[in-house]
């Protein structure tokens, strides 16, 4: 669903990880411009993935958008304190995630 919402960005490649551990493995092996992350993942949770990213010199500046069903203030505070760049509670409108991603990537909408 996230990939479908981001189609207006144009030529964008997406990779998906089925678990937090798989996300960490992919991040260790390749370069990315942005991570969209859920807090609820098998193996390793979203907070641990954020902590891993922020602990790595080559990944430290990587923007992280957390998209989660945990929309409470406590969850938002925890992920932002851990180093997430943005927080978007589910459910969200497609234009909300598009706006968040554009802001994190520093790209303007095309007319």
PDB file of N, CA and C in Angstrom:
ATOM      1  N   UNK A   1       0.820  -1.186   0.000  1.00  0.00           N
ATOM      2  CA  UNK A   1       0.000   0.000   0.000  1.00  0.00           C
ATOM      3  C   UNK A   1       0.871   1.261   0.000  1.00  0.00           C
ATOM      4  N   UNK A   2       1.940   1.236   0.774  1.00  0.00           N
ATOM      5  CA  UNK A   2       2.845   2.394   0.836  1.00  0.00           C
ATOM      6  C   UNK A   2       3.427   2.671  -0.546  1.00  0.00           C
ATOM      7  N   UNK A   3       3.884   1.637  -1.224  1.00  0.00           N
ATOM      8  CA  UNK A   3       4.463   1.812  -2.561  1.00  0.00           C
ATOM      9  C   UNK A   3       3.435   2.413  -3.523  1.00  0.00           C
ATOM     10  N   UNK A   4       2.203   1.970  -3.440  1.00  0.00           N
ATOM     11  CA  UNK A   4       1.157   2.512  -4.316  1.00  0.00           C
ATOM     12  C   UNK A   4       0.923   3.994  -4.032  1.00  0.00           C
ATOM     13  N   UNK A   5       0.957   4.382  -2.773  1.00  0.00           N
ATOM     14  CA  UNK A   5       0.765   5.786  -2.398  1.00  0.00           C
ATOM     15  C   UNK A   5       1.909   6.669  -2.886  1.00  0.00           C
ATOM     16  N   UNK A   6       3.090   6.086  -3.069  1.00  0.00           N
ATOM     17  CA  UNK A   6       4.268   6.860  -3.447  1.00  0.00           C
ATOM     18  C   UNK A   6       4.524   6.868  -4.958  1.00  0.00           C
ATOM     19  N   UNK A   7       3.657   6.263  -5.745  1.00  0.00           N
ATOM     20  CA  UNK A   7       3.842   6.231  -7.201  1.00  0.00           C
ATOM     21  C   UNK A   7       3.992   7.626  -7.819  1.00  0.00           C
ATOM     22  N   UNK A   8       3.302   8.654  -7.310  1.00  0.00           N
ATOM     23  CA  UNK A   8       3.476   9.986  -7.897  1.00  0.00           C
ATOM     24  C   UNK A   8       4.913  10.530  -7.818  1.00  0.00           C
ATOM     25  N   UNK A   9       5.780   9.884  -7.044  1.00  0.00           N
ATOM     26  CA  UNK A   9       7.175  10.322  -6.978  1.00  0.00           C
ATOM     27  C   UNK A   9       7.908  10.047  -8.288  1.00  0.00           C
ATOM     28  N   UNK A  10       7.340   9.200  -9.134  1.00  0.00           N
ATOM     29  CA  UNK A  10       7.973   8.893 -10.419  1.00  0.00           C
ATOM     30  C   UNK A  10       8.795   7.628 -10.349  1.00  0.00           C
ATOM     31  N   UNK A  11       9.938   7.663 -11.008  1.00  0.00           N
ATOM     32  CA  UNK A  11      10.824   6.500 -11.084  1.00  0.00           C
ATOM     33  C   UNK A  11      11.483   6.247  -9.737  1.00  0.00           C
ATOM     34  N   UNK A  12      10.859   5.422  -8.932  1.00  0.00           N
ATOM     35  CA  UNK A  12      11.358   5.103  -7.602  1.00  0.00           C
ATOM     36  C   UNK A  12      11.413   3.584  -7.467  1.00  0.00           C
ATOM     37  N   UNK A  13      12.511   3.080  -6.947  1.00  0.00           N
ATOM     38  CA  UNK A  13      12.635   1.643  -6.704  1.00  0.00           C
ATOM     39  C   UNK A  13      12.328   1.360  -5.240  1.00  0.00           C
ATOM     40  N   UNK A  14      11.555   0.324  -4.999  1.00  0.00           N
ATOM     41  CA  UNK A  14      11.194  -0.066  -3.648  1.00  0.00           C
ATOM     42  C   UNK A  14      11.752  -1.447  -3.348  1.00  0.00           C
ATOM     43  N   UNK A  15      12.169  -1.650  -2.118  1.00  0.00           N
ATOM     44  CA  UNK A  15      12.524  -2.975  -1.626  1.00  0.00           C
ATOM     45  C   UNK A  15      11.748  -3.191  -0.348  1.00  0.00           C
ATOM     46  N   UNK A  16      11.331  -4.412  -0.131  1.00  0.00           N
ATOM     47  CA  UNK A  16      10.507  -4.735   1.021  1.00  0.00           C
ATOM     48  C   UNK A  16      11.225  -5.748   1.903  1.00  0.00           C
ATOM     49  N   UNK A  17      11.062  -5.608   3.195  1.00  0.00           N
ATOM     50  CA  UNK A  17      11.610  -6.568   4.153  1.00  0.00           C
ATOM     51  C   UNK A  17      10.446  -7.129   4.960  1.00  0.00           C
ATOM     52  N   UNK A  18      10.429  -8.427   5.136  1.00  0.00           N
ATOM     53  CA  UNK A  18       9.345  -9.087   5.849  1.00  0.00           C
ATOM     54  C   UNK A  18       9.514  -9.043   7.368  1.00  0.00           C
ATOM     55  N   UNK A  19      10.700  -8.664   7.827  1.00  0.00           N
ATOM     56  CA  UNK A  19      10.949  -8.620   9.270  1.00  0.00           C
ATOM     57  C   UNK A  19      11.990  -7.548   9.568  1.00  0.00           C
ATOM     58  N   UNK A  20      12.119  -7.218  10.836  1.00  0.00           N
ATOM     59  CA  UNK A  20      13.135  -6.261  11.245  1.00  0.00           C
ATOM     60  C   UNK A  20      14.533  -6.762  10.963  1.00  0.00           C
ATOM     61  N   UNK A  21      14.753  -8.046  11.168  1.00  0.00           N
ATOM     62  CA  UNK A  21      16.069  -8.634  10.903  1.00  0.00           C
ATOM     63  C   UNK A  21      16.421  -8.539   9.416  1.00  0.00           C
ATOM     64  N   UNK A  22      15.462  -8.822   8.558  1.00  0.00           N
ATOM     65  CA  UNK A  22      15.696  -8.706   7.121  1.00  0.00           C
ATOM     66  C   UNK A  22      15.981  -7.243   6.746  1.00  0.00           C
ATOM     67  N   UNK A  23      15.280  -6.309   7.363  1.00  0.00           N
ATOM     68  CA  UNK A  23      15.534  -4.886   7.095  1.00  0.00           C
ATOM     69  C   UNK A  23      16.968  -4.513   7.458  1.00  0.00           C
ATOM     70  N   UNK A  24      17.431  -4.969   8.614  1.00  0.00           N
ATOM     71  CA  UNK A  24      18.802  -4.683   9.052  1.00  0.00           C
ATOM     72  C   UNK A  24      19.805  -5.288   8.064  1.00  0.00           C
ATOM     73  N   UNK A  25      19.559  -6.518   7.636  1.00  0.00           N
ATOM     74  CA  UNK A  25      20.454  -7.164   6.671  1.00  0.00           C
ATOM     75  C   UNK A  25      20.521  -6.372   5.368  1.00  0.00           C
ATOM     76  N   UNK A  26      19.376  -5.939   4.860  1.00  0.00           N
ATOM     77  CA  UNK A  26      19.337  -5.172   3.607  1.00  0.00           C
ATOM     78  C   UNK A  26      20.064  -3.835   3.773  1.00  0.00           C
ATOM     79  N   UNK A  27      19.851  -3.186   4.903  1.00  0.00           N
ATOM     80  CA  UNK A  27      20.496  -1.891   5.158  1.00  0.00           C
ATOM     81  C   UNK A  27      22.011  -2.024   5.258  1.00  0.00           C
ATOM     82  N   UNK A  28      22.475  -3.163   5.736  1.00  0.00           N
ATOM     83  CA  UNK A  28      23.913  -3.385   5.866  1.00  0.00           C
ATOM     84  C   UNK A  28      24.572  -3.645   4.510  1.00  0.00           C
ATOM     85  N   UNK A  29      23.783  -4.089   3.526  1.00  0.00           N
ATOM     86  CA  UNK A  29      24.348  -4.506   2.246  1.00  0.00           C
ATOM     87  C   UNK A  29      24.158  -3.523   1.093  1.00  0.00           C
ATOM     88  N   UNK A  30      23.227  -2.587   1.223  1.00  0.00           N
ATOM     89  CA  UNK A  30      22.920  -1.689   0.108  1.00  0.00           C
ATOM     90  C   UNK A  30      22.667  -0.278   0.616  1.00  0.00           C
ATOM     91  N   UNK A  31      22.603   0.662  -0.313  1.00  0.00           N
ATOM     92  CA  UNK A  31      22.333   2.054   0.032  1.00  0.00           C
ATOM     93  C   UNK A  31      20.884   2.401  -0.290  1.00  0.00           C
ATOM     94  N   UNK A  32      20.291   3.195   0.573  1.00  0.00           N
ATOM     95  CA  UNK A  32      18.908   3.620   0.400  1.00  0.00           C
ATOM     96  C   UNK A  32      18.797   5.109   0.670  1.00  0.00           C
ATOM     97  N   UNK A  33      17.751   5.727   0.116  1.00  0.00           N
ATOM     98  CA  UNK A  33      17.509   7.143   0.341  1.00  0.00           C
ATOM     99  C   UNK A  33      16.534   7.390   1.483  1.00  0.00           C
ATOM    100  N   UNK A  34      15.733   6.380   1.820  1.00  0.00           N
ATOM    101  CA  UNK A  34      14.686   6.531   2.826  1.00  0.00           C
ATOM    102  C   UNK A  34      14.261   5.155   3.314  1.00  0.00           C
ATOM    103  N   UNK A  35      13.914   5.077   4.590  1.00  0.00           N
ATOM    104  CA  UNK A  35      13.339   3.861   5.153  1.00  0.00           C
ATOM    105  C   UNK A  35      11.943   4.197   5.660  1.00  0.00           C
ATOM    106  N   UNK A  36      10.954   3.406   5.226  1.00  0.00           N
ATOM    107  CA  UNK A  36       9.606   3.481   5.772  1.00  0.00           C
ATOM    108  C   UNK A  36       9.455   2.228   6.617  1.00  0.00           C
ATOM    109  N   UNK A  37       9.136   2.420   7.879  1.00  0.00           N
ATOM    110  CA  UNK A  37       9.252   1.343   8.859  1.00  0.00           C
ATOM    111  C   UNK A  37       8.021   1.261   9.730  1.00  0.00           C
ATOM    112  N   UNK A  38       7.583   0.058  10.022  1.00  0.00           N
ATOM    113  CA  UNK A  38       6.513  -0.167  11.000  1.00  0.00           C
ATOM    114  C   UNK A  38       7.164  -0.527  12.327  1.00  0.00           C
ATOM    115  N   UNK A  39       6.479  -0.276  13.425  1.00  0.00           N
ATOM    116  CA  UNK A  39       7.006  -0.677  14.732  1.00  0.00           C
ATOM    117  C   UNK A  39       6.781  -2.150  14.993  1.00  0.00           C
ATOM    118  N   UNK A  40       5.698  -2.687  14.465  1.00  0.00           N
ATOM    119  CA  UNK A  40       5.320  -4.080  14.704  1.00  0.00           C
ATOM    120  C   UNK A  40       5.859  -4.972  13.595  1.00  0.00           C
ATOM    121  N   UNK A  41       7.026  -5.564  13.856  1.00  0.00           N
ATOM    122  CA  UNK A  41       7.629  -6.465  12.874  1.00  0.00           C
ATOM    123  C   UNK A  41       8.120  -7.717  13.583  1.00  0.00           C
ATOM    124  N   UNK A  42       8.129  -8.846  12.865  1.00  0.00           N
ATOM    125  CA  UNK A  42       8.661 -10.069  13.469  1.00  0.00           C
ATOM    126  C   UNK A  42      10.172  -9.974  13.693  1.00  0.00           C
ATOM    127  N   UNK A  43      10.677 -10.795  14.558  1.00  0.00           N
ATOM    128  CA  UNK A  43      12.107 -10.928  14.874  1.00  0.00           C
ATOM    129  C   UNK A  43      12.650  -9.732  15.641  1.00  0.00           C
ATOM    130  N   UNK A  44      12.805  -8.622  14.953  1.00  0.00           N
ATOM    131  CA  UNK A  44      13.360  -7.406  15.530  1.00  0.00           C
ATOM    132  C   UNK A  44      12.339  -6.293  15.300  1.00  0.00           C
ATOM    133  N   UNK A  45      11.967  -5.583  16.350  1.00  0.00           N
ATOM    134  CA  UNK A  45      10.959  -4.535  16.228  1.00  0.00           C
ATOM    135  C   UNK A  45      11.484  -3.265  15.586  1.00  0.00           C
ATOM    136  N   UNK A  46      10.567  -2.397  15.238  1.00  0.00           N
ATOM    137  CA  UNK A  46      10.907  -1.154  14.584  1.00  0.00           C
ATOM    138  C   UNK A  46      11.843  -0.267  15.387  1.00  0.00           C
ATOM    139  N   UNK A  47      11.639  -0.192  16.704  1.00  0.00           N
ATOM    140  CA  UNK A  47      12.533   0.632  17.528  1.00  0.00           C
ATOM    141  C   UNK A  47      13.966   0.133  17.448  1.00  0.00           C
ATOM    142  N   UNK A  48      14.153  -1.171  17.450  1.00  0.00           N
ATOM    143  CA  UNK A  48      15.499  -1.742  17.353  1.00  0.00           C
ATOM    144  C   UNK A  48      16.124  -1.463  15.981  1.00  0.00           C
ATOM    145  N   UNK A  49      15.308  -1.461  14.943  1.00  0.00           N
ATOM    146  CA  UNK A  49      15.824  -1.145  13.610  1.00  0.00           C
ATOM    147  C   UNK A  49      16.282   0.315  13.570  1.00  0.00           C
ATOM    148  N   UNK A  50      15.488   1.205  14.153  1.00  0.00           N
ATOM    149  CA  UNK A  50      15.884   2.618  14.221  1.00  0.00           C
ATOM    150  C   UNK A  50      17.198   2.751  14.975  1.00  0.00           C
ATOM    151  N   UNK A  51      17.313   2.081  16.107  1.00  0.00           N
ATOM    152  CA  UNK A  51      18.549   2.151  16.903  1.00  0.00           C
ATOM    153  C   UNK A  51      19.747   1.616  16.117  1.00  0.00           C
ATOM    154  N   UNK A  52      19.540   0.546  15.354  1.00  0.00           N
ATOM    155  CA  UNK A  52      20.622   0.023  14.511  1.00  0.00           C
ATOM    156  C   UNK A  52      21.047   1.068  13.485  1.00  0.00           C
ATOM    157  N   UNK A  53      20.075   1.639  12.790  1.00  0.00           N
ATOM    158  CA  UNK A  53      20.376   2.628  11.756  1.00  0.00           C
ATOM    159  C   UNK A  53      21.162   3.794  12.351  1.00  0.00           C
ATOM    160  N   UNK A  54      20.727   4.305  13.469  1.00  0.00           N
ATOM    161  CA  UNK A  54      21.375   5.471  14.067  1.00  0.00           C
ATOM    162  C   UNK A  54      22.745   5.130  14.670  1.00  0.00           C
ATOM    163  N   UNK A  55      23.024   3.853  14.878  1.00  0.00           N
ATOM    164  CA  UNK A  55      24.325   3.462  15.433  1.00  0.00           C
ATOM    165  C   UNK A  55      25.397   3.255  14.356  1.00  0.00           C
ATOM    166  N   UNK A  56      24.984   3.274  13.097  1.00  0.00           N
ATOM    167  CA  UNK A  56      25.905   3.026  11.992  1.00  0.00           C
ATOM    168  C   UNK A  56      26.307   4.340  11.329  1.00  0.00           C
ATOM    169  N   UNK A  57      27.602   4.601  11.232  1.00  0.00           N
ATOM    170  CA  UNK A  57      28.078   5.846  10.635  1.00  0.00           C
ATOM    171  C   UNK A  57      27.505   6.083   9.241  1.00  0.00           C
ATOM    172  N   UNK A  58      27.506   5.052   8.396  1.00  0.00           N
ATOM    173  CA  UNK A  58      27.060   5.240   7.011  1.00  0.00           C
ATOM    174  C   UNK A  58      25.543   5.401   6.891  1.00  0.00           C
ATOM    175  N   UNK A  59      24.811   5.070   7.933  1.00  0.00           N
ATOM    176  CA  UNK A  59      23.347   5.157   7.885  1.00  0.00           C
ATOM    177  C   UNK A  59      22.777   6.275   8.759  1.00  0.00           C
ATOM    178  N   UNK A  60      23.612   6.882   9.553  1.00  0.00           N
ATOM    179  CA  UNK A  60      23.147   7.817  10.586  1.00  0.00           C
ATOM    180  C   UNK A  60      22.222   8.914  10.052  1.00  0.00           C
ATOM    181  N   UNK A  61      22.473   9.419   8.839  1.00  0.00           N
ATOM    182  CA  UNK A  61      21.672  10.512   8.276  1.00  0.00           C
ATOM    183  C   UNK A  61      20.482  10.025   7.448  1.00  0.00           C
ATOM    184  N   UNK A  62      20.303   8.720   7.338  1.00  0.00           N
ATOM    185  CA  UNK A  62      19.218   8.152   6.539  1.00  0.00           C
ATOM    186  C   UNK A  62      17.860   8.536   7.129  1.00  0.00           C
ATOM    187  N   UNK A  63      16.988   9.164   6.341  1.00  0.00           N
ATOM    188  CA  UNK A  63      15.659   9.498   6.855  1.00  0.00           C
ATOM    189  C   UNK A  63      14.845   8.237   7.137  1.00  0.00           C
ATOM    190  N   UNK A  64      14.126   8.248   8.252  1.00  0.00           N
ATOM    191  CA  UNK A  64      13.288   7.120   8.653  1.00  0.00           C
ATOM    192  C   UNK A  64      11.886   7.636   8.925  1.00  0.00           C
ATOM    193  N   UNK A  65      10.907   7.116   8.208  1.00  0.00           N
ATOM    194  CA  UNK A  65       9.504   7.434   8.448  1.00  0.00           C
ATOM    195  C   UNK A  65       8.853   6.213   9.076  1.00  0.00           C
ATOM    196  N   UNK A  66       8.322   6.380  10.275  1.00  0.00           N
ATOM    197  CA  UNK A  66       7.618   5.294  10.954  1.00  0.00           C
ATOM    198  C   UNK A  66       6.132   5.426  10.640  1.00  0.00           C
ATOM    199  N   UNK A  67       5.561   4.351  10.100  1.00  0.00           N
ATOM    200  CA  UNK A  67       4.142   4.266   9.782  1.00  0.00           C
ATOM    201  C   UNK A  67       3.601   3.111  10.609  1.00  0.00           C
ATOM    202  N   UNK A  68       2.700   3.410  11.551  1.00  0.00           N
ATOM    203  CA  UNK A  68       2.299   2.374  12.496  1.00  0.00           C
ATOM    204  C   UNK A  68       0.875   2.552  12.997  1.00  0.00           C
ATOM    205  N   UNK A  69       0.314   1.456  13.504  1.00  0.00           N
ATOM    206  CA  UNK A  69      -1.006   1.507  14.128  1.00  0.00           C
ATOM    207  C   UNK A  69      -0.918   2.093  15.537  1.00  0.00           C
ATOM    208  N   UNK A  70       0.274   2.186  16.081  1.00  0.00           N
ATOM    209  CA  UNK A  70       0.462   2.768  17.419  1.00  0.00           C
ATOM    210  C   UNK A  70       0.514   4.293  17.300  1.00  0.00           C
ATOM    211  N   UNK A  71      -0.647   4.910  17.280  1.00  0.00           N
ATOM    212  CA  UNK A  71      -0.717   6.345  17.065  1.00  0.00           C
ATOM    213  C   UNK A  71      -0.702   7.188  18.324  1.00  0.00           C
ATOM    214  N   UNK A  72      -0.451   6.572  19.466  1.00  0.00           N
ATOM    215  CA  UNK A  72      -0.480   7.322  20.717  1.00  0.00           C
ATOM    216  C   UNK A  72       0.761   8.198  20.879  1.00  0.00           C
ATOM    217  N   UNK A  73       0.647   9.215  21.723  1.00  0.00           N
ATOM    218  CA  UNK A  73       1.751  10.158  21.944  1.00  0.00           C
ATOM    219  C   UNK A  73       2.999   9.480  22.494  1.00  0.00           C
ATOM    220  N   UNK A  74       2.819   8.487  23.334  1.00  0.00           N
ATOM    221  CA  UNK A  74       3.961   7.780  23.922  1.00  0.00           C
ATOM    222  C   UNK A  74       4.786   7.069  22.846  1.00  0.00           C
ATOM    223  N   UNK A  75       4.108   6.403  21.922  1.00  0.00           N
ATOM    224  CA  UNK A  75       4.814   5.719  20.828  1.00  0.00           C
ATOM    225  C   UNK A  75       5.523   6.728  19.942  1.00  0.00           C
ATOM    226  N   UNK A  76       4.855   7.829  19.644  1.00  0.00           N
ATOM    227  CA  UNK A  76       5.475   8.859  18.809  1.00  0.00           C
ATOM    228  C   UNK A  76       6.729   9.408  19.492  1.00  0.00           C
ATOM    229  N   UNK A  77       6.640   9.697  20.772  1.00  0.00           N
ATOM    230  CA  UNK A  77       7.790  10.217  21.508  1.00  0.00           C
ATOM    231  C   UNK A  77       8.933   9.218  21.493  1.00  0.00           C
ATOM    232  N   UNK A  78       8.635   7.930  21.701  1.00  0.00           N
ATOM    233  CA  UNK A  78       9.683   6.903  21.718  1.00  0.00           C
ATOM    234  C   UNK A  78      10.408   6.800  20.379  1.00  0.00           C
ATOM    235  N   UNK A  79       9.664   6.807  19.274  1.00  0.00           N
ATOM    236  CA  UNK A  79      10.325   6.650  17.978  1.00  0.00           C
ATOM    237  C   UNK A  79      11.105   7.904  17.586  1.00  0.00           C
ATOM    238  N   UNK A  80      10.592   9.066  17.908  1.00  0.00           N
ATOM    239  CA  UNK A  80      11.318  10.298  17.601  1.00  0.00           C
ATOM    240  C   UNK A  80      12.573  10.381  18.465  1.00  0.00           C
ATOM    241  N   UNK A  81      12.451  10.028  19.739  1.00  0.00           N
ATOM    242  CA  UNK A  81      13.626  10.012  20.627  1.00  0.00           C
ATOM    243  C   UNK A  81      14.669   8.999  20.160  1.00  0.00           C
ATOM    244  N   UNK A  82      14.216   7.892  19.572  1.00  0.00           N
ATOM    245  CA  UNK A  82      15.143   6.860  19.076  1.00  0.00           C
ATOM    246  C   UNK A  82      15.853   7.311  17.801  1.00  0.00           C
ATOM    247  N   UNK A  83      15.297   8.322  17.125  1.00  0.00           N
ATOM    248  CA  UNK A  83      15.967   8.828  15.934  1.00  0.00           C
ATOM    249  C   UNK A  83      15.156   8.824  14.658  1.00  0.00           C
ATOM    250  N   UNK A  84      13.867   8.483  14.741  1.00  0.00           N
ATOM    251  CA  UNK A  84      13.041   8.528  13.532  1.00  0.00           C
ATOM    252  C   UNK A  84      12.905   9.970  13.059  1.00  0.00           C
ATOM    253  N   UNK A  85      12.807  10.138  11.763  1.00  0.00           N
ATOM    254  CA  UNK A  85      12.687  11.472  11.162  1.00  0.00           C
ATOM    255  C   UNK A  85      11.240  11.931  11.081  1.00  0.00           C
ATOM    256  N   UNK A  86      10.315  10.971  11.034  1.00  0.00           N
ATOM    257  CA  UNK A  86       8.904  11.295  10.933  1.00  0.00           C
ATOM    258  C   UNK A  86       8.051  10.175  11.478  1.00  0.00           C
ATOM    259  N   UNK A  87       6.791  10.489  11.773  1.00  0.00           N
ATOM    260  CA  UNK A  87       5.863   9.543  12.385  1.00  0.00           C
ATOM    261  C   UNK A  87       4.497   9.753  11.748  1.00  0.00           C
ATOM    262  N   UNK A  88       3.900   8.678  11.228  1.00  0.00           N
ATOM    263  CA  UNK A  88       2.597   8.752  10.593  1.00  0.00           C
ATOM    264  C   UNK A  88       1.733   7.598  11.090  1.00  0.00           C
ATOM    265  N   UNK A  89       0.695   7.909  11.872  1.00  0.00           N
ATOM    266  CA  UNK A  89      -0.174   6.827  12.367  1.00  0.00           C
ATOM    267  C   UNK A  89      -1.107   6.314  11.273  1.00  0.00           C
ATOM    268  N   UNK A  90      -1.384   5.012  11.346  1.00  0.00           N
ATOM    269  CA  UNK A  90      -2.357   4.388  10.444  1.00  0.00           C
ATOM    270  C   UNK A  90      -3.738   4.532  11.088  1.00  0.00           C
ATOM    271  N   UNK A  91      -4.776   4.642  10.326  1.00  0.00           N
ATOM    272  CA  UNK A  91      -4.798   4.755   8.870  1.00  0.00           C
ATOM    273  C   UNK A  91      -4.406   6.172   8.442  1.00  0.00           C
ATOM    274  N   UNK A  92      -3.886   6.270   7.250  1.00  0.00           N
ATOM    275  CA  UNK A  92      -3.491   7.568   6.712  1.00  0.00           C
ATOM    276  C   UNK A  92      -4.019   7.691   5.286  1.00  0.00           C
ATOM    277  N   UNK A  93      -4.146   8.923   4.833  1.00  0.00           N
ATOM    278  CA  UNK A  93      -4.554   9.175   3.451  1.00  0.00           C
ATOM    279  C   UNK A  93      -3.307   9.116   2.574  1.00  0.00           C
ATOM    280  N   UNK A  94      -3.436   8.662   1.334  1.00  0.00           N
ATOM    281  CA  UNK A  94      -2.277   8.574   0.443  1.00  0.00           C
ATOM    282  C   UNK A  94      -1.493   9.879   0.339  1.00  0.00           C
ATOM    283  N   UNK A  95      -2.190  11.008   0.309  1.00  0.00           N
ATOM    284  CA  UNK A  95      -1.472  12.281   0.191  1.00  0.00           C
ATOM    285  C   UNK A  95      -0.663  12.608   1.444  1.00  0.00           C
ATOM    286  N   UNK A  96      -1.053  12.066   2.599  1.00  0.00           N
ATOM    287  CA  UNK A  96      -0.286  12.299   3.832  1.00  0.00           C
ATOM    288  C   UNK A  96       1.103  11.670   3.746  1.00  0.00           C
ATOM    289  N   UNK A  97       1.167  10.412   3.331  1.00  0.00           N
ATOM    290  CA  UNK A  97       2.473   9.759   3.262  1.00  0.00           C
ATOM    291  C   UNK A  97       3.311  10.358   2.132  1.00  0.00           C
ATOM    292  N   UNK A  98       2.670  10.729   1.052  1.00  0.00           N
ATOM    293  CA  UNK A  98       3.389  11.366  -0.047  1.00  0.00           C
ATOM    294  C   UNK A  98       4.013  12.688   0.413  1.00  0.00           C
ATOM    295  N   UNK A  99       3.271  13.476   1.164  1.00  0.00           N
ATOM    296  CA  UNK A  99       3.782  14.738   1.696  1.00  0.00           C
ATOM    297  C   UNK A  99       4.937  14.495   2.656  1.00  0.00           C
ATOM    298  N   UNK A 100       4.801  13.519   3.545  1.00  0.00           N
ATOM    299  CA  UNK A 100       5.862  13.193   4.508  1.00  0.00           C
ATOM    300  C   UNK A 100       7.143  12.780   3.784  1.00  0.00           C
ATOM    301  N   UNK A 101       7.019  11.888   2.814  1.00  0.00           N
ATOM    302  CA  UNK A 101       8.186  11.383   2.091  1.00  0.00           C
ATOM    303  C   UNK A 101       8.846  12.502   1.290  1.00  0.00           C
ATOM    304  N   UNK A 102       8.051  13.299   0.623  1.00  0.00           N
ATOM    305  CA  UNK A 102       8.629  14.436  -0.120  1.00  0.00           C
ATOM    306  C   UNK A 102       9.401  15.358   0.813  1.00  0.00           C
ATOM    307  N   UNK A 103       8.839  15.624   1.990  1.00  0.00           N
ATOM    308  CA  UNK A 103       9.532  16.472   2.960  1.00  0.00           C
ATOM    309  C   UNK A 103      10.845  15.867   3.420  1.00  0.00           C
ATOM    310  N   UNK A 104      10.845  14.563   3.675  1.00  0.00           N
ATOM    311  CA  UNK A 104      12.075  13.900   4.141  1.00  0.00           C
ATOM    312  C   UNK A 104      13.141  13.813   3.043  1.00  0.00           C
ATOM    313  N   UNK A 105      12.698  13.689   1.801  1.00  0.00           N
ATOM    314  CA  UNK A 105      13.647  13.605   0.690  1.00  0.00           C
ATOM    315  C   UNK A 105      14.012  14.980   0.136  1.00  0.00           C
ATOM    316  N   UNK A 106      13.278  15.995   0.579  1.00  0.00           N
ATOM    317  CA  UNK A 106      13.561  17.338   0.089  1.00  0.00           C
ATOM    318  C   UNK A 106      13.146  17.542  -1.362  1.00  0.00           C
ATOM    319  N   UNK A 107      12.071  16.850  -1.768  1.00  0.00           N
ATOM    320  CA  UNK A 107      11.592  16.981  -3.146  1.00  0.00           C
ATOM    321  C   UNK A 107      10.270  17.722  -3.168  1.00  0.00           C
ATOM    322  N   UNK A 108      10.098  18.562  -4.138  1.00  0.00           N
ATOM    323  CA  UNK A 108       8.859  19.331  -4.295  1.00  0.00           C
ATOM    324  C   UNK A 108       7.893  18.556  -5.170  1.00  0.00           C
ATOM    325  N   UNK A 109       6.598  18.749  -4.954  1.00  0.00           N
ATOM    326  CA  UNK A 109       5.622  18.094  -5.829  1.00  0.00           C
ATOM    327  C   UNK A 109       5.741  18.615  -7.256  1.00  0.00           C
ATOM    328  N   UNK A 110       5.453  17.743  -8.213  1.00  0.00           N
ATOM    329  CA  UNK A 110       5.459  18.154  -9.613  1.00  0.00           C
ATOM    330  C   UNK A 110       4.040  18.516 -10.010  1.00  0.00           C
ATOM    331  N   UNK A 111       3.922  19.507 -10.853  1.00  0.00           N
ATOM    332  CA  UNK A 111       2.582  19.980 -11.259  1.00  0.00           C
ATOM    333  C   UNK A 111       2.044  19.157 -12.384  1.00  0.00           C
TER     334      UNK A 111
END
